Amino acid sequence: MPRPPLPPLRPADVVVRSAVGRFDDFAEVVGVKKPGGRGCWCMAYRDSRVANEDRPAYMRDACGTEPGPGVLAYVDDEAVGWCSVAPRSSYRRLLASRTIPRVDERDAWSIVCFVVRAGHRGRGLMHHLLAGAVAHAAAHGAPVVEGYPVAVPPGERVDLISGYVGTTRLFEDAGFTVVSETTGHSGGRDRWVVRRELG
């Protein structure tokens, strides 16, 4: 018999912190547990040329200096979620992207990925991660923050393949505005540029 779903998380239930100084927690949420296993390590947008075995060291370095590569969500002091947020200029894949256009010449901070650990999904954790990502970008002087989510019709649920980029509804609920279409897709769904001004 399946267990009943857990209730939605309240703001008081979740603490979102910068990943700076927290590589071990980042690795627990995003890293590959199986020895020799292959995984993204949140490098697909940063620099996919980095060999798989070198990715943990790369992200350890990124977690060692400000502003860091993103934010982590904690519930009961356990790291349960991740959001990659950093200046767009730090993501090699976005610098010359032919599918996700630049809106203007400002160095927007980009939110490219969400990860929520199994057992904590379906509780609204992405909303908390997004709020923490925006606060993190603002604290580091970002003029504007943007994401590249998929559009999901009302009543439909997003699948895990598409869901790592978030949905336009998630971002709009956090005060973002859809500003541009893209030619990018995730899980077969169209992606959009959404923005929130911070300056």
N, C-alpha and C. Protein backbone atom coordinates (compact mmCIF):
# COMPACT_ATOMS: atom_id res chain seq x y z
N MET A 1 0.86 -1.19 0.00
CA MET A 1 0.00 0.00 0.00
C MET A 1 0.89 1.24 0.00
N PRO A 2 0.71 2.16 -0.96
CA PRO A 2 1.57 3.35 -1.01
C PRO A 2 1.34 4.26 0.18
N ARG A 3 2.41 4.92 0.58
CA ARG A 3 2.30 5.87 1.68
C ARG A 3 1.55 7.12 1.21
N PRO A 4 0.77 7.76 2.08
CA PRO A 4 0.08 9.00 1.68
C PRO A 4 1.11 10.09 1.41
N PRO A 5 0.80 11.03 0.50
CA PRO A 5 1.75 12.11 0.21
C PRO A 5 2.00 12.99 1.43
N LEU A 6 3.21 13.48 1.52
CA LEU A 6 3.55 14.39 2.60
C LEU A 6 2.93 15.76 2.34
N PRO A 7 2.63 16.53 3.38
CA PRO A 7 2.02 17.85 3.18
C PRO A 7 3.01 18.83 2.56
N PRO A 8 2.49 19.89 1.93
CA PRO A 8 3.39 20.92 1.38
C PRO A 8 4.27 21.52 2.47
N LEU A 9 5.46 21.90 2.07
CA LEU A 9 6.39 22.53 3.01
C LEU A 9 6.05 24.01 3.17
N ARG A 10 6.09 24.48 4.41
CA ARG A 10 5.87 25.90 4.70
C ARG A 10 7.22 26.61 4.68
N PRO A 11 7.22 27.92 4.49
CA PRO A 11 8.50 28.65 4.53
C PRO A 11 9.31 28.38 5.78
N ALA A 12 8.63 28.19 6.91
CA ALA A 12 9.34 27.94 8.17
C ALA A 12 10.00 26.56 8.19
N ASP A 13 9.58 25.67 7.28
CA ASP A 13 10.13 24.31 7.25
C ASP A 13 11.43 24.21 6.46
N VAL A 14 11.73 25.23 5.64
CA VAL A 14 12.82 25.15 4.68
C VAL A 14 13.81 26.28 4.92
N VAL A 15 15.08 25.95 4.89
CA VAL A 15 16.15 26.95 4.92
C VAL A 15 16.95 26.80 3.63
N VAL A 16 17.12 27.90 2.92
CA VAL A 16 17.90 27.89 1.68
C VAL A 16 19.21 28.63 1.92
N ARG A 17 20.32 27.95 1.60
CA ARG A 17 21.64 28.51 1.87
C ARG A 17 22.50 28.47 0.60
N SER A 18 23.44 29.38 0.53
CA SER A 18 24.43 29.35 -0.55
C SER A 18 25.21 28.05 -0.47
N ALA A 19 25.65 27.56 -1.64
CA ALA A 19 26.47 26.34 -1.66
C ALA A 19 27.91 26.60 -1.28
N VAL A 20 28.30 27.85 -1.11
CA VAL A 20 29.68 28.16 -0.73
C VAL A 20 29.99 27.50 0.61
N GLY A 21 31.06 26.69 0.62
CA GLY A 21 31.45 25.98 1.83
C GLY A 21 30.63 24.74 2.12
N ARG A 22 29.78 24.34 1.17
CA ARG A 22 28.88 23.21 1.40
C ARG A 22 28.96 22.18 0.27
N PHE A 23 30.16 21.91 -0.22
CA PHE A 23 30.30 20.96 -1.32
C PHE A 23 29.76 19.59 -0.95
N ASP A 24 30.01 19.12 0.26
CA ASP A 24 29.56 17.79 0.65
C ASP A 24 28.03 17.68 0.55
N ASP A 25 27.33 18.74 0.94
CA ASP A 25 25.87 18.72 0.83
C ASP A 25 25.45 18.76 -0.63
N PHE A 26 26.14 19.57 -1.44
CA PHE A 26 25.87 19.61 -2.87
C PHE A 26 26.04 18.21 -3.47
N ALA A 27 27.14 17.55 -3.12
CA ALA A 27 27.41 16.21 -3.66
C ALA A 27 26.35 15.21 -3.23
N GLU A 28 25.83 15.38 -2.02
CA GLU A 28 24.79 14.47 -1.53
C GLU A 28 23.51 14.61 -2.36
N VAL A 29 23.20 15.84 -2.78
CA VAL A 29 21.97 16.07 -3.54
C VAL A 29 22.16 15.78 -5.02
N VAL A 30 23.27 16.22 -5.60
CA VAL A 30 23.46 16.20 -7.05
C VAL A 30 24.43 15.13 -7.51
N GLY A 31 25.38 14.75 -6.66
CA GLY A 31 26.46 13.87 -7.08
C GLY A 31 26.05 12.46 -7.39
N VAL A 32 26.96 11.75 -8.01
CA VAL A 32 26.76 10.35 -8.37
C VAL A 32 27.30 9.47 -7.24
N LYS A 33 26.47 8.60 -6.72
CA LYS A 33 26.86 7.77 -5.57
C LYS A 33 27.63 6.52 -5.99
N LYS A 34 27.31 5.98 -7.16
CA LYS A 34 27.91 4.73 -7.61
C LYS A 34 29.34 4.96 -8.07
N PRO A 35 30.32 4.25 -7.51
CA PRO A 35 31.71 4.43 -7.97
C PRO A 35 31.84 4.20 -9.47
N GLY A 36 32.45 5.17 -10.14
CA GLY A 36 32.61 5.08 -11.59
C GLY A 36 31.38 5.47 -12.37
N GLY A 37 30.30 5.82 -11.67
CA GLY A 37 29.07 6.20 -12.36
C GLY A 37 29.22 7.55 -13.06
N ARG A 38 28.49 7.70 -14.13
CA ARG A 38 28.53 8.96 -14.89
C ARG A 38 27.36 9.83 -14.47
N GLY A 39 27.60 11.13 -14.45
CA GLY A 39 26.52 12.04 -14.10
C GLY A 39 26.87 13.45 -14.47
N CYS A 40 25.87 14.30 -14.45
CA CYS A 40 26.04 15.69 -14.89
C CYS A 40 26.87 16.51 -13.89
N TRP A 41 26.63 16.30 -12.59
CA TRP A 41 27.25 17.13 -11.54
C TRP A 41 26.97 18.61 -11.79
N CYS A 42 25.84 18.92 -12.45
CA CYS A 42 25.44 20.29 -12.77
C CYS A 42 26.48 20.99 -13.64
N MET A 43 27.07 20.23 -14.55
CA MET A 43 28.10 20.77 -15.44
C MET A 43 27.61 20.98 -16.87
N ALA A 44 26.42 20.51 -17.22
CA ALA A 44 25.96 20.56 -18.60
C ALA A 44 25.98 21.98 -19.15
N TYR A 45 25.61 22.96 -18.34
CA TYR A 45 25.62 24.35 -18.79
C TYR A 45 26.94 25.05 -18.49
N ARG A 46 27.62 24.63 -17.42
CA ARG A 46 28.87 25.29 -17.06
C ARG A 46 29.97 25.00 -18.06
N ASP A 47 30.27 23.73 -18.26
CA ASP A 47 31.31 23.35 -19.22
C ASP A 47 31.27 21.84 -19.39
N SER A 48 30.52 21.38 -20.37
CA SER A 48 30.34 19.95 -20.57
C SER A 48 31.59 19.26 -21.10
N ARG A 49 32.62 20.07 -21.45
CA ARG A 49 33.88 19.47 -21.90
C ARG A 49 34.65 18.84 -20.75
N VAL A 50 34.36 19.23 -19.51
CA VAL A 50 35.07 18.69 -18.36
C VAL A 50 34.77 17.20 -18.24
N ALA A 51 35.81 16.39 -18.16
CA ALA A 51 35.64 14.94 -18.08
C ALA A 51 34.85 14.56 -16.84
N ASN A 52 34.09 13.48 -16.94
CA ASN A 52 33.21 13.06 -15.86
C ASN A 52 33.95 12.91 -14.54
N GLU A 53 35.14 12.33 -14.59
CA GLU A 53 35.89 12.08 -13.35
C GLU A 53 36.43 13.37 -12.73
N ASP A 54 36.48 14.46 -13.53
CA ASP A 54 36.99 15.73 -13.04
C ASP A 54 35.89 16.67 -12.55
N ARG A 55 34.65 16.29 -12.75
CA ARG A 55 33.55 17.19 -12.41
C ARG A 55 33.39 17.43 -10.91
N PRO A 56 33.54 16.41 -10.05
CA PRO A 56 33.45 16.71 -8.62
C PRO A 56 34.47 17.74 -8.16
N ALA A 57 35.71 17.64 -8.64
CA ALA A 57 36.73 18.61 -8.24
C ALA A 57 36.40 20.01 -8.75
N TYR A 58 35.87 20.08 -9.97
CA TYR A 58 35.47 21.37 -10.53
C TYR A 58 34.41 22.03 -9.64
N MET A 59 33.41 21.24 -9.25
CA MET A 59 32.34 21.81 -8.44
C MET A 59 32.78 22.05 -7.01
N ARG A 60 33.73 21.26 -6.52
CA ARG A 60 34.28 21.55 -5.20
C ARG A 60 34.94 22.93 -5.19
N ASP A 61 35.70 23.24 -6.26
CA ASP A 61 36.32 24.56 -6.38
C ASP A 61 35.25 25.65 -6.47
N ALA A 62 34.19 25.40 -7.26
CA ALA A 62 33.13 26.38 -7.41
C ALA A 62 32.43 26.65 -6.08
N CYS A 63 32.30 25.63 -5.25
CA CYS A 63 31.68 25.79 -3.93
C CYS A 63 32.63 26.42 -2.92
N GLY A 64 33.88 26.64 -3.34
CA GLY A 64 34.87 27.20 -2.42
C GLY A 64 35.05 28.69 -2.51
N THR A 65 34.40 29.33 -3.48
CA THR A 65 34.57 30.77 -3.66
C THR A 65 33.23 31.44 -3.93
N GLU A 66 33.12 32.69 -3.49
CA GLU A 66 31.91 33.47 -3.77
C GLU A 66 31.86 33.82 -5.26
N PRO A 67 30.69 33.90 -5.85
CA PRO A 67 29.36 33.74 -5.23
C PRO A 67 28.90 32.30 -5.14
N GLY A 68 29.71 31.35 -5.61
CA GLY A 68 29.31 29.96 -5.59
C GLY A 68 28.44 29.61 -6.78
N PRO A 69 28.14 28.33 -6.94
CA PRO A 69 27.40 27.86 -8.12
C PRO A 69 25.89 27.77 -7.94
N GLY A 70 25.39 28.03 -6.73
CA GLY A 70 23.95 27.91 -6.54
C GLY A 70 23.58 27.86 -5.08
N VAL A 71 22.37 27.36 -4.82
CA VAL A 71 21.84 27.31 -3.46
C VAL A 71 21.31 25.92 -3.15
N LEU A 72 21.30 25.60 -1.87
CA LEU A 72 20.81 24.31 -1.37
C LEU A 72 19.63 24.55 -0.42
N ALA A 73 18.66 23.65 -0.48
CA ALA A 73 17.53 23.70 0.45
C ALA A 73 17.69 22.63 1.51
N TYR A 74 17.39 23.01 2.75
CA TYR A 74 17.51 22.11 3.89
C TYR A 74 16.16 21.98 4.58
N VAL A 75 15.83 20.74 4.94
CA VAL A 75 14.66 20.45 5.77
C VAL A 75 15.16 19.62 6.94
N ASP A 76 14.92 20.10 8.14
CA ASP A 76 15.43 19.43 9.35
C ASP A 76 16.94 19.22 9.25
N ASP A 77 17.64 20.24 8.77
CA ASP A 77 19.11 20.24 8.64
C ASP A 77 19.64 19.22 7.64
N GLU A 78 18.78 18.65 6.82
CA GLU A 78 19.21 17.72 5.78
C GLU A 78 19.11 18.42 4.42
N ALA A 79 20.17 18.34 3.63
CA ALA A 79 20.15 18.93 2.28
C ALA A 79 19.26 18.09 1.39
N VAL A 80 18.20 18.71 0.85
CA VAL A 80 17.21 17.94 0.07
C VAL A 80 16.97 18.52 -1.31
N GLY A 81 17.53 19.70 -1.61
CA GLY A 81 17.27 20.29 -2.91
C GLY A 81 18.39 21.21 -3.35
N TRP A 82 18.46 21.44 -4.65
CA TRP A 82 19.53 22.23 -5.27
C TRP A 82 18.94 23.10 -6.37
N CYS A 83 19.47 24.31 -6.49
CA CYS A 83 19.15 25.19 -7.61
C CYS A 83 20.43 25.85 -8.08
N SER A 84 20.73 25.67 -9.36
CA SER A 84 21.92 26.27 -9.96
C SER A 84 21.59 27.70 -10.36
N VAL A 85 22.25 28.67 -9.75
CA VAL A 85 22.06 30.08 -10.08
C VAL A 85 23.41 30.78 -10.01
N ALA A 86 23.77 31.46 -11.09
CA ALA A 86 25.06 32.14 -11.20
C ALA A 86 24.98 33.10 -12.38
N PRO A 87 25.96 34.01 -12.51
CA PRO A 87 25.95 34.89 -13.67
C PRO A 87 25.92 34.11 -14.98
N ARG A 88 25.13 34.61 -15.92
CA ARG A 88 25.04 33.92 -17.22
C ARG A 88 26.42 33.74 -17.84
N SER A 89 27.30 34.71 -17.63
CA SER A 89 28.64 34.65 -18.22
C SER A 89 29.47 33.48 -17.69
N SER A 90 29.03 32.85 -16.60
CA SER A 90 29.78 31.72 -16.04
C SER A 90 29.33 30.38 -16.64
N TYR A 91 28.30 30.41 -17.47
CA TYR A 91 27.79 29.20 -18.10
C TYR A 91 28.25 29.18 -19.56
N ARG A 92 29.24 28.37 -19.84
CA ARG A 92 29.80 28.33 -21.20
C ARG A 92 28.73 28.02 -22.25
N ARG A 93 27.82 27.13 -21.93
CA ARG A 93 26.80 26.72 -22.90
C ARG A 93 25.86 27.88 -23.26
N LEU A 94 25.70 28.85 -22.36
CA LEU A 94 24.80 29.96 -22.63
C LEU A 94 25.49 31.10 -23.37
N LEU A 95 26.83 31.16 -23.31
CA LEU A 95 27.54 32.29 -23.89
C LEU A 95 27.27 32.46 -25.38
N ALA A 96 27.25 31.37 -26.10
CA ALA A 96 27.02 31.44 -27.54
C ALA A 96 25.83 30.59 -27.95
N SER A 97 24.85 30.52 -27.06
CA SER A 97 23.70 29.65 -27.33
C SER A 97 22.90 30.14 -28.53
N ARG A 98 22.58 29.21 -29.42
CA ARG A 98 21.75 29.53 -30.57
C ARG A 98 20.28 29.26 -30.28
N THR A 99 20.00 28.63 -29.15
CA THR A 99 18.61 28.30 -28.82
C THR A 99 18.03 29.17 -27.72
N ILE A 100 18.88 29.68 -26.82
CA ILE A 100 18.40 30.55 -25.73
C ILE A 100 19.04 31.92 -25.90
N PRO A 101 18.30 32.88 -26.44
CA PRO A 101 18.88 34.18 -26.79
C PRO A 101 19.16 35.07 -25.58
N ARG A 102 20.12 35.95 -25.75
CA ARG A 102 20.34 37.01 -24.76
C ARG A 102 19.26 38.06 -24.95
N VAL A 103 18.75 38.57 -23.87
CA VAL A 103 17.71 39.60 -23.93
C VAL A 103 18.33 40.97 -24.11
N ASP A 104 19.44 41.22 -23.38
CA ASP A 104 20.15 42.49 -23.51
C ASP A 104 21.60 42.25 -23.09
N GLU A 105 22.37 43.32 -22.96
CA GLU A 105 23.80 43.18 -22.70
C GLU A 105 24.15 43.04 -21.22
N ARG A 106 23.17 43.17 -20.34
CA ARG A 106 23.45 43.02 -18.92
C ARG A 106 23.81 41.56 -18.61
N ASP A 107 24.67 41.37 -17.61
CA ASP A 107 25.03 40.01 -17.21
C ASP A 107 23.99 39.50 -16.22
N ALA A 108 22.88 39.05 -16.79
CA ALA A 108 21.82 38.48 -15.95
C ALA A 108 22.35 37.26 -15.21
N TRP A 109 21.78 37.00 -14.05
CA TRP A 109 22.04 35.73 -13.38
C TRP A 109 21.05 34.71 -13.90
N SER A 110 21.54 33.51 -14.19
CA SER A 110 20.72 32.48 -14.82
C SER A 110 20.42 31.34 -13.86
N ILE A 111 19.17 30.94 -13.84
CA ILE A 111 18.72 29.76 -13.09
C ILE A 111 18.50 28.67 -14.12
N VAL A 112 19.33 27.64 -14.09
CA VAL A 112 19.29 26.65 -15.17
C VAL A 112 18.84 25.26 -14.72
N CYS A 113 18.79 25.01 -13.42
CA CYS A 113 18.56 23.63 -13.00
C CYS A 113 18.02 23.57 -11.58
N PHE A 114 17.07 22.66 -11.37
CA PHE A 114 16.58 22.31 -10.03
C PHE A 114 16.75 20.80 -9.83
N VAL A 115 17.12 20.43 -8.63
CA VAL A 115 17.15 19.02 -8.25
C VAL A 115 16.49 18.89 -6.88
N VAL A 116 15.52 17.99 -6.77
CA VAL A 116 14.88 17.70 -5.49
C VAL A 116 15.03 16.20 -5.24
N ARG A 117 15.55 15.87 -4.09
CA ARG A 117 15.79 14.46 -3.77
C ARG A 117 14.49 13.68 -3.66
N ALA A 118 14.57 12.42 -4.06
CA ALA A 118 13.43 11.52 -3.92
C ALA A 118 12.97 11.50 -2.47
N GLY A 119 11.68 11.44 -2.28
CA GLY A 119 11.11 11.48 -0.94
C GLY A 119 10.70 12.87 -0.51
N HIS A 120 11.15 13.88 -1.27
CA HIS A 120 10.81 15.27 -0.94
C HIS A 120 10.11 15.97 -2.09
N ARG A 121 9.83 15.24 -3.16
CA ARG A 121 9.18 15.83 -4.32
C ARG A 121 7.68 15.97 -4.08
N GLY A 122 7.08 16.90 -4.80
CA GLY A 122 5.65 17.11 -4.67
C GLY A 122 5.23 17.90 -3.45
N ARG A 123 6.20 18.56 -2.79
CA ARG A 123 5.89 19.32 -1.57
C ARG A 123 6.14 20.82 -1.75
N GLY A 124 6.37 21.24 -3.01
CA GLY A 124 6.56 22.67 -3.25
C GLY A 124 7.97 23.15 -3.02
N LEU A 125 8.93 22.24 -2.95
CA LEU A 125 10.30 22.63 -2.63
C LEU A 125 10.92 23.53 -3.70
N MET A 126 10.50 23.36 -4.95
CA MET A 126 11.07 24.20 -6.00
C MET A 126 10.71 25.67 -5.79
N HIS A 127 9.55 25.94 -5.22
CA HIS A 127 9.18 27.33 -4.92
C HIS A 127 10.16 27.94 -3.91
N HIS A 128 10.51 27.16 -2.91
CA HIS A 128 11.45 27.65 -1.90
C HIS A 128 12.85 27.82 -2.50
N LEU A 129 13.26 26.88 -3.33
CA LEU A 129 14.56 26.99 -3.99
C LEU A 129 14.63 28.22 -4.88
N LEU A 130 13.56 28.47 -5.62
CA LEU A 130 13.55 29.63 -6.52
C LEU A 130 13.62 30.93 -5.72
N ALA A 131 12.86 31.02 -4.64
CA ALA A 131 12.92 32.22 -3.81
C ALA A 131 14.32 32.41 -3.25
N GLY A 132 14.95 31.33 -2.82
CA GLY A 132 16.31 31.43 -2.29
C GLY A 132 17.32 31.80 -3.36
N ALA A 133 17.11 31.31 -4.58
CA ALA A 133 18.01 31.65 -5.69
C ALA A 133 17.93 33.13 -6.02
N VAL A 134 16.72 33.66 -6.03
CA VAL A 134 16.53 35.10 -6.30
C VAL A 134 17.20 35.93 -5.20
N ALA A 135 16.99 35.54 -3.96
CA ALA A 135 17.60 36.27 -2.84
C ALA A 135 19.13 36.22 -2.92
N HIS A 136 19.66 35.06 -3.30
CA HIS A 136 21.12 34.89 -3.44
C HIS A 136 21.66 35.81 -4.53
N ALA A 137 20.99 35.83 -5.68
CA ALA A 137 21.43 36.70 -6.78
C ALA A 137 21.36 38.16 -6.37
N ALA A 138 20.28 38.55 -5.71
CA ALA A 138 20.13 39.95 -5.27
C ALA A 138 21.22 40.33 -4.28
N ALA A 139 21.56 39.43 -3.36
CA ALA A 139 22.59 39.71 -2.36
C ALA A 139 23.95 39.91 -2.98
N HIS A 140 24.16 39.40 -4.20
CA HIS A 140 25.44 39.55 -4.89
C HIS A 140 25.38 40.59 -6.00
N GLY A 141 24.36 41.45 -5.95
CA GLY A 141 24.31 42.59 -6.85
C GLY A 141 23.81 42.31 -8.25
N ALA A 142 23.12 41.20 -8.45
CA ALA A 142 22.61 40.89 -9.78
C ALA A 142 21.59 41.94 -10.21
N PRO A 143 21.70 42.47 -11.43
CA PRO A 143 20.72 43.45 -11.89
C PRO A 143 19.39 42.82 -12.28
N VAL A 144 19.46 41.58 -12.72
CA VAL A 144 18.27 40.87 -13.19
C VAL A 144 18.58 39.38 -13.12
N VAL A 145 17.54 38.59 -12.87
CA VAL A 145 17.71 37.13 -12.82
C VAL A 145 16.73 36.52 -13.81
N GLU A 146 17.18 35.47 -14.50
CA GLU A 146 16.32 34.87 -15.51
C GLU A 146 16.38 33.36 -15.44
N GLY A 147 15.37 32.72 -16.03
CA GLY A 147 15.32 31.28 -16.14
C GLY A 147 14.84 30.90 -17.52
N TYR A 148 14.87 29.61 -17.80
CA TYR A 148 14.53 29.10 -19.13
C TYR A 148 13.60 27.90 -19.01
N PRO A 149 12.43 28.11 -18.41
CA PRO A 149 11.53 26.99 -18.09
C PRO A 149 10.71 26.53 -19.29
N VAL A 150 9.97 25.44 -19.06
CA VAL A 150 9.03 24.94 -20.05
C VAL A 150 7.63 25.45 -19.73
N ALA A 151 6.82 25.56 -20.78
CA ALA A 151 5.41 25.90 -20.60
C ALA A 151 4.62 24.61 -20.47
N VAL A 152 3.80 24.54 -19.42
CA VAL A 152 2.98 23.35 -19.16
C VAL A 152 1.52 23.80 -19.07
N PRO A 153 0.65 23.27 -19.92
CA PRO A 153 -0.76 23.68 -19.88
C PRO A 153 -1.39 23.44 -18.50
N PRO A 154 -2.37 24.27 -18.13
CA PRO A 154 -3.05 24.08 -16.84
C PRO A 154 -3.60 22.66 -16.71
N GLY A 155 -3.43 22.11 -15.55
CA GLY A 155 -3.94 20.77 -15.29
C GLY A 155 -2.97 19.65 -15.62
N GLU A 156 -1.90 19.98 -16.36
CA GLU A 156 -0.91 18.96 -16.70
C GLU A 156 0.24 19.01 -15.69
N ARG A 157 0.81 17.86 -15.44
CA ARG A 157 1.99 17.78 -14.56
C ARG A 157 3.23 17.66 -15.44
N VAL A 158 4.30 18.22 -14.96
CA VAL A 158 5.55 18.14 -15.71
C VAL A 158 6.29 16.86 -15.32
N ASP A 159 6.91 16.22 -16.30
CA ASP A 159 7.66 15.01 -16.03
C ASP A 159 9.07 15.36 -15.56
N LEU A 160 9.78 14.38 -15.01
CA LEU A 160 11.12 14.63 -14.47
C LEU A 160 12.10 15.09 -15.55
N ILE A 161 11.92 14.58 -16.79
CA ILE A 161 12.84 14.94 -17.86
C ILE A 161 12.74 16.43 -18.17
N SER A 162 11.52 16.94 -18.22
CA SER A 162 11.32 18.37 -18.50
C SER A 162 11.52 19.22 -17.25
N GLY A 163 11.19 18.64 -16.11
CA GLY A 163 11.02 19.43 -14.90
C GLY A 163 12.26 20.07 -14.32
N TYR A 164 13.46 19.60 -14.69
CA TYR A 164 14.65 20.15 -14.05
C TYR A 164 14.84 21.63 -14.35
N VAL A 165 14.21 22.14 -15.42
CA VAL A 165 14.35 23.57 -15.76
C VAL A 165 13.24 24.41 -15.14
N GLY A 166 12.25 23.77 -14.51
CA GLY A 166 11.13 24.50 -13.95
C GLY A 166 10.07 24.77 -15.01
N THR A 167 8.96 25.34 -14.56
CA THR A 167 7.86 25.68 -15.46
C THR A 167 7.63 27.20 -15.45
N THR A 168 7.02 27.69 -16.52
CA THR A 168 6.72 29.12 -16.56
C THR A 168 5.80 29.49 -15.40
N ARG A 169 4.90 28.61 -15.02
CA ARG A 169 3.99 28.89 -13.91
C ARG A 169 4.75 29.05 -12.59
N LEU A 170 5.74 28.18 -12.36
CA LEU A 170 6.57 28.29 -11.16
C LEU A 170 7.23 29.67 -11.10
N PHE A 171 7.83 30.08 -12.19
CA PHE A 171 8.53 31.36 -12.21
C PHE A 171 7.57 32.54 -12.11
N GLU A 172 6.45 32.47 -12.81
CA GLU A 172 5.49 33.57 -12.74
C GLU A 172 4.94 33.74 -11.33
N ASP A 173 4.76 32.63 -10.62
CA ASP A 173 4.31 32.72 -9.22
C ASP A 173 5.33 33.45 -8.35
N ALA A 174 6.59 33.47 -8.79
CA ALA A 174 7.67 34.14 -8.03
C ALA A 174 7.97 35.54 -8.57
N GLY A 175 7.08 36.08 -9.41
CA GLY A 175 7.25 37.46 -9.87
C GLY A 175 8.02 37.62 -11.16
N PHE A 176 8.29 36.52 -11.85
CA PHE A 176 8.98 36.60 -13.14
C PHE A 176 7.97 36.88 -14.25
N THR A 177 8.48 37.45 -15.34
CA THR A 177 7.67 37.74 -16.51
C THR A 177 8.25 37.02 -17.72
N VAL A 178 7.41 36.43 -18.53
CA VAL A 178 7.86 35.82 -19.79
C VAL A 178 8.25 36.94 -20.75
N VAL A 179 9.51 36.92 -21.21
CA VAL A 179 9.99 38.03 -22.04
C VAL A 179 10.38 37.60 -23.45
N SER A 180 10.63 36.33 -23.68
CA SER A 180 11.10 35.93 -25.01
C SER A 180 10.89 34.44 -25.21
N GLU A 181 10.57 34.08 -26.43
CA GLU A 181 10.53 32.66 -26.77
C GLU A 181 11.95 32.20 -27.10
N THR A 182 12.15 30.91 -27.09
CA THR A 182 13.43 30.33 -27.48
C THR A 182 13.15 29.24 -28.51
N THR A 183 14.21 28.71 -29.07
CA THR A 183 14.06 27.52 -29.92
C THR A 183 14.50 26.27 -29.15
N GLY A 184 14.73 26.44 -27.84
CA GLY A 184 15.13 25.32 -27.00
C GLY A 184 13.93 24.50 -26.54
N HIS A 185 14.20 23.25 -26.19
CA HIS A 185 13.19 22.33 -25.70
C HIS A 185 13.75 21.51 -24.54
N SER A 186 12.86 21.05 -23.68
CA SER A 186 13.23 20.11 -22.63
C SER A 186 12.12 19.07 -22.56
N GLY A 187 12.50 17.80 -22.76
CA GLY A 187 11.50 16.75 -22.77
C GLY A 187 10.43 16.96 -23.83
N GLY A 188 10.79 17.60 -24.94
CA GLY A 188 9.84 17.85 -26.02
C GLY A 188 8.97 19.08 -25.82
N ARG A 189 9.14 19.78 -24.72
CA ARG A 189 8.34 20.98 -24.45
C ARG A 189 9.13 22.25 -24.79
N ASP A 190 8.41 23.27 -25.27
CA ASP A 190 9.04 24.55 -25.59
C ASP A 190 9.54 25.24 -24.32
N ARG A 191 10.68 25.90 -24.45
CA ARG A 191 11.25 26.67 -23.35
C ARG A 191 11.13 28.17 -23.63
N TRP A 192 11.05 28.95 -22.56
CA TRP A 192 10.87 30.41 -22.65
C TRP A 192 11.89 31.10 -21.76
N VAL A 193 12.23 32.33 -22.10
CA VAL A 193 13.05 33.16 -21.22
C VAL A 193 12.10 33.93 -20.29
N VAL A 194 12.32 33.78 -19.00
CA VAL A 194 11.54 34.53 -18.01
C VAL A 194 12.52 35.37 -17.20
N ARG A 195 12.07 36.55 -16.79
CA ARG A 195 12.98 37.46 -16.08
C ARG A 195 12.30 38.14 -14.90
N ARG A 196 13.16 38.49 -13.92
CA ARG A 196 12.71 39.33 -12.80
C ARG A 196 13.79 40.38 -12.56
N GLU A 197 13.38 41.62 -12.63
CA GLU A 197 14.31 42.73 -12.40
C GLU A 197 14.63 42.84 -10.92
N LEU A 198 15.91 43.07 -10.61
CA LEU A 198 16.35 43.19 -9.22
C LEU A 198 16.94 44.56 -8.92
N GLY A 199 17.48 45.21 -9.95
CA GLY A 199 18.17 46.49 -9.74
C GLY A 199 17.23 47.65 -9.54
